[in-house]
């Protein structure tokens, strides 16, 4: 899976996109709110790691999601 942080403008908040190996969007959520249904993506128990990654992730740079 891949992750990218999208910068919001004005009243639109920053968002996180998670995409599969074919770059199909599988999750889209606000960067300042925790993911819901994280277990759907096989990431249960990795909430703290995801929060840290999201804070450090640069805007607009697609990265392989490896936790």
N, C-alpha and C. Protein backbone atom coordinates (compact mmCIF):
# COMPACT_ATOMS: atom_id res chain seq x y z
N UNK A 1 0.84 -1.17 0.00
CA UNK A 1 0.00 0.00 0.00
C UNK A 1 0.89 1.24 0.00
N UNK A 2 0.29 2.35 -0.42
CA UNK A 2 0.98 3.63 -0.49
C UNK A 2 0.19 4.68 0.28
N UNK A 3 0.90 5.72 0.74
CA UNK A 3 0.27 6.78 1.51
C UNK A 3 0.75 8.12 0.97
N UNK A 4 -0.15 9.09 0.95
CA UNK A 4 0.19 10.45 0.52
C UNK A 4 -0.60 11.44 1.38
N UNK A 5 0.05 12.54 1.71
CA UNK A 5 -0.58 13.60 2.51
C UNK A 5 -0.88 14.77 1.57
N UNK A 6 -2.13 15.19 1.55
CA UNK A 6 -2.60 16.24 0.65
C UNK A 6 -2.87 17.51 1.46
N UNK A 7 -2.27 18.61 1.04
CA UNK A 7 -2.42 19.89 1.74
C UNK A 7 -3.76 20.51 1.42
N UNK A 8 -4.50 20.89 2.45
CA UNK A 8 -5.77 21.57 2.27
C UNK A 8 -5.56 23.06 2.03
N UNK A 9 -6.60 23.73 1.58
CA UNK A 9 -6.53 25.17 1.35
C UNK A 9 -7.69 25.84 2.07
N UNK A 10 -7.44 27.01 2.61
CA UNK A 10 -8.44 27.82 3.31
C UNK A 10 -9.17 26.98 4.35
N UNK A 11 -10.46 26.72 4.16
CA UNK A 11 -11.24 25.98 5.15
C UNK A 11 -11.18 24.47 4.95
N UNK A 12 -10.54 24.01 3.87
CA UNK A 12 -10.43 22.58 3.60
C UNK A 12 -9.22 22.04 4.37
N UNK A 13 -9.41 21.02 5.21
CA UNK A 13 -8.30 20.49 6.01
C UNK A 13 -7.34 19.62 5.19
N UNK A 14 -6.20 19.30 5.80
CA UNK A 14 -5.26 18.37 5.19
C UNK A 14 -5.86 16.97 5.23
N UNK A 15 -5.58 16.18 4.19
CA UNK A 15 -6.11 14.82 4.11
C UNK A 15 -5.00 13.81 3.86
N UNK A 16 -5.28 12.58 4.21
CA UNK A 16 -4.40 11.45 3.97
C UNK A 16 -5.12 10.50 3.01
N UNK A 17 -4.39 10.02 2.01
CA UNK A 17 -4.92 9.01 1.10
C UNK A 17 -4.08 7.75 1.25
N UNK A 18 -4.74 6.62 1.32
CA UNK A 18 -4.06 5.33 1.29
C UNK A 18 -4.51 4.63 0.02
N UNK A 19 -3.53 4.18 -0.75
CA UNK A 19 -3.82 3.54 -2.04
C UNK A 19 -3.19 2.16 -2.07
N UNK A 20 -3.83 1.24 -2.83
CA UNK A 20 -3.30 -0.12 -2.93
C UNK A 20 -2.18 -0.18 -3.97
N UNK A 21 -1.73 -1.39 -4.28
CA UNK A 21 -0.61 -1.60 -5.20
C UNK A 21 -0.90 -1.08 -6.61
N UNK A 22 -2.18 -1.01 -6.98
CA UNK A 22 -2.59 -0.49 -8.29
C UNK A 22 -2.95 1.00 -8.22
N UNK A 23 -2.62 1.64 -7.11
CA UNK A 23 -2.88 3.05 -6.85
C UNK A 23 -4.37 3.39 -6.79
N UNK A 24 -5.20 2.39 -6.49
CA UNK A 24 -6.64 2.62 -6.29
C UNK A 24 -6.83 3.13 -4.87
N UNK A 25 -7.62 4.18 -4.72
CA UNK A 25 -7.88 4.77 -3.41
C UNK A 25 -8.66 3.79 -2.53
N UNK A 26 -8.10 3.46 -1.36
CA UNK A 26 -8.78 2.54 -0.44
C UNK A 26 -9.19 3.23 0.85
N UNK A 27 -8.56 4.38 1.17
CA UNK A 27 -8.93 5.13 2.37
C UNK A 27 -8.60 6.60 2.15
N UNK A 28 -9.45 7.46 2.71
CA UNK A 28 -9.31 8.91 2.57
C UNK A 28 -9.84 9.49 3.87
N UNK A 29 -8.98 10.17 4.63
CA UNK A 29 -9.41 10.70 5.92
C UNK A 29 -8.62 11.94 6.28
N UNK A 30 -9.15 12.72 7.19
CA UNK A 30 -8.48 13.95 7.63
C UNK A 30 -7.21 13.60 8.40
N UNK A 31 -6.19 14.39 8.19
CA UNK A 31 -4.90 14.15 8.84
C UNK A 31 -4.97 14.37 10.35
N UNK A 32 -5.89 15.21 10.79
CA UNK A 32 -5.97 15.52 12.22
C UNK A 32 -6.94 14.63 12.98
N UNK A 33 -7.52 13.66 12.30
CA UNK A 33 -8.44 12.72 12.97
C UNK A 33 -7.97 11.30 12.75
N UNK A 34 -8.15 10.46 13.76
CA UNK A 34 -7.71 9.07 13.61
C UNK A 34 -8.54 8.31 12.57
N UNK A 35 -7.91 7.33 11.96
CA UNK A 35 -8.60 6.48 10.99
C UNK A 35 -9.67 5.65 11.67
N UNK A 36 -10.78 5.50 11.01
CA UNK A 36 -11.82 4.60 11.48
C UNK A 36 -11.67 3.29 10.72
N UNK A 37 -12.04 2.19 11.34
CA UNK A 37 -11.97 0.87 10.71
C UNK A 37 -10.57 0.54 10.20
N UNK A 38 -9.58 0.86 11.00
CA UNK A 38 -8.19 0.63 10.61
C UNK A 38 -7.90 -0.86 10.38
N UNK A 39 -8.69 -1.72 11.03
CA UNK A 39 -8.48 -3.16 10.88
C UNK A 39 -8.81 -3.65 9.47
N UNK A 40 -9.64 -2.89 8.73
CA UNK A 40 -9.96 -3.26 7.35
C UNK A 40 -8.73 -3.30 6.46
N UNK A 41 -7.71 -2.55 6.84
CA UNK A 41 -6.51 -2.44 6.02
C UNK A 41 -5.33 -3.21 6.60
N UNK A 42 -5.60 -4.04 7.62
CA UNK A 42 -4.55 -4.83 8.23
C UNK A 42 -3.60 -4.01 9.08
N UNK A 43 -4.07 -2.89 9.60
CA UNK A 43 -3.22 -1.99 10.39
C UNK A 43 -3.61 -1.93 11.85
N UNK A 44 -4.44 -2.87 12.32
CA UNK A 44 -4.85 -2.82 13.72
C UNK A 44 -3.62 -3.00 14.62
N UNK A 45 -3.61 -2.26 15.70
CA UNK A 45 -2.49 -2.29 16.63
C UNK A 45 -1.34 -1.37 16.22
N UNK A 46 -1.49 -0.68 15.11
CA UNK A 46 -0.41 0.19 14.62
C UNK A 46 -0.85 1.65 14.58
N UNK A 47 -1.83 1.99 15.40
CA UNK A 47 -2.37 3.35 15.41
C UNK A 47 -1.32 4.39 15.76
N UNK A 48 -0.48 4.09 16.77
CA UNK A 48 0.54 5.04 17.20
C UNK A 48 1.57 5.26 16.10
N UNK A 49 1.96 4.18 15.43
CA UNK A 49 2.92 4.28 14.33
C UNK A 49 2.34 5.11 13.19
N UNK A 50 1.04 4.91 12.90
CA UNK A 50 0.39 5.67 11.83
C UNK A 50 0.34 7.15 12.18
N UNK A 51 0.00 7.48 13.42
CA UNK A 51 -0.05 8.89 13.85
C UNK A 51 1.32 9.55 13.69
N UNK A 52 2.37 8.86 14.11
CA UNK A 52 3.72 9.40 14.00
C UNK A 52 4.09 9.59 12.52
N UNK A 53 3.79 8.60 11.70
CA UNK A 53 4.09 8.69 10.27
C UNK A 53 3.36 9.85 9.62
N UNK A 54 2.09 10.03 9.95
CA UNK A 54 1.29 11.11 9.36
C UNK A 54 1.85 12.48 9.74
N UNK A 55 2.30 12.64 10.98
CA UNK A 55 2.88 13.91 11.41
C UNK A 55 4.17 14.22 10.67
N UNK A 56 4.97 13.21 10.37
CA UNK A 56 6.27 13.40 9.73
C UNK A 56 6.19 13.39 8.21
N UNK A 57 5.09 12.93 7.65
CA UNK A 57 4.95 12.77 6.21
C UNK A 57 4.93 14.12 5.50
N UNK A 58 5.78 14.30 4.49
CA UNK A 58 5.75 15.57 3.74
C UNK A 58 4.52 15.62 2.83
N UNK A 59 4.05 16.82 2.54
CA UNK A 59 2.89 16.98 1.66
C UNK A 59 3.25 16.63 0.22
N UNK A 60 2.34 15.91 -0.44
CA UNK A 60 2.45 15.65 -1.86
C UNK A 60 3.46 14.60 -2.27
N UNK A 61 4.06 13.88 -1.34
CA UNK A 61 5.05 12.87 -1.68
C UNK A 61 4.47 11.48 -1.41
N UNK A 62 4.26 10.73 -2.49
CA UNK A 62 3.74 9.37 -2.39
C UNK A 62 4.82 8.47 -1.82
N UNK A 63 4.48 7.72 -0.77
CA UNK A 63 5.45 6.83 -0.13
C UNK A 63 4.83 5.45 0.06
N UNK A 64 5.68 4.44 0.00
CA UNK A 64 5.23 3.09 0.29
C UNK A 64 4.92 3.02 1.78
N UNK A 65 3.78 2.47 2.12
CA UNK A 65 3.36 2.35 3.52
C UNK A 65 3.91 1.05 4.09
N UNK A 66 4.92 1.20 4.96
CA UNK A 66 5.55 0.04 5.58
C UNK A 66 5.60 0.26 7.07
N UNK A 67 4.76 -0.47 7.79
CA UNK A 67 4.72 -0.36 9.26
C UNK A 67 5.09 -1.68 9.87
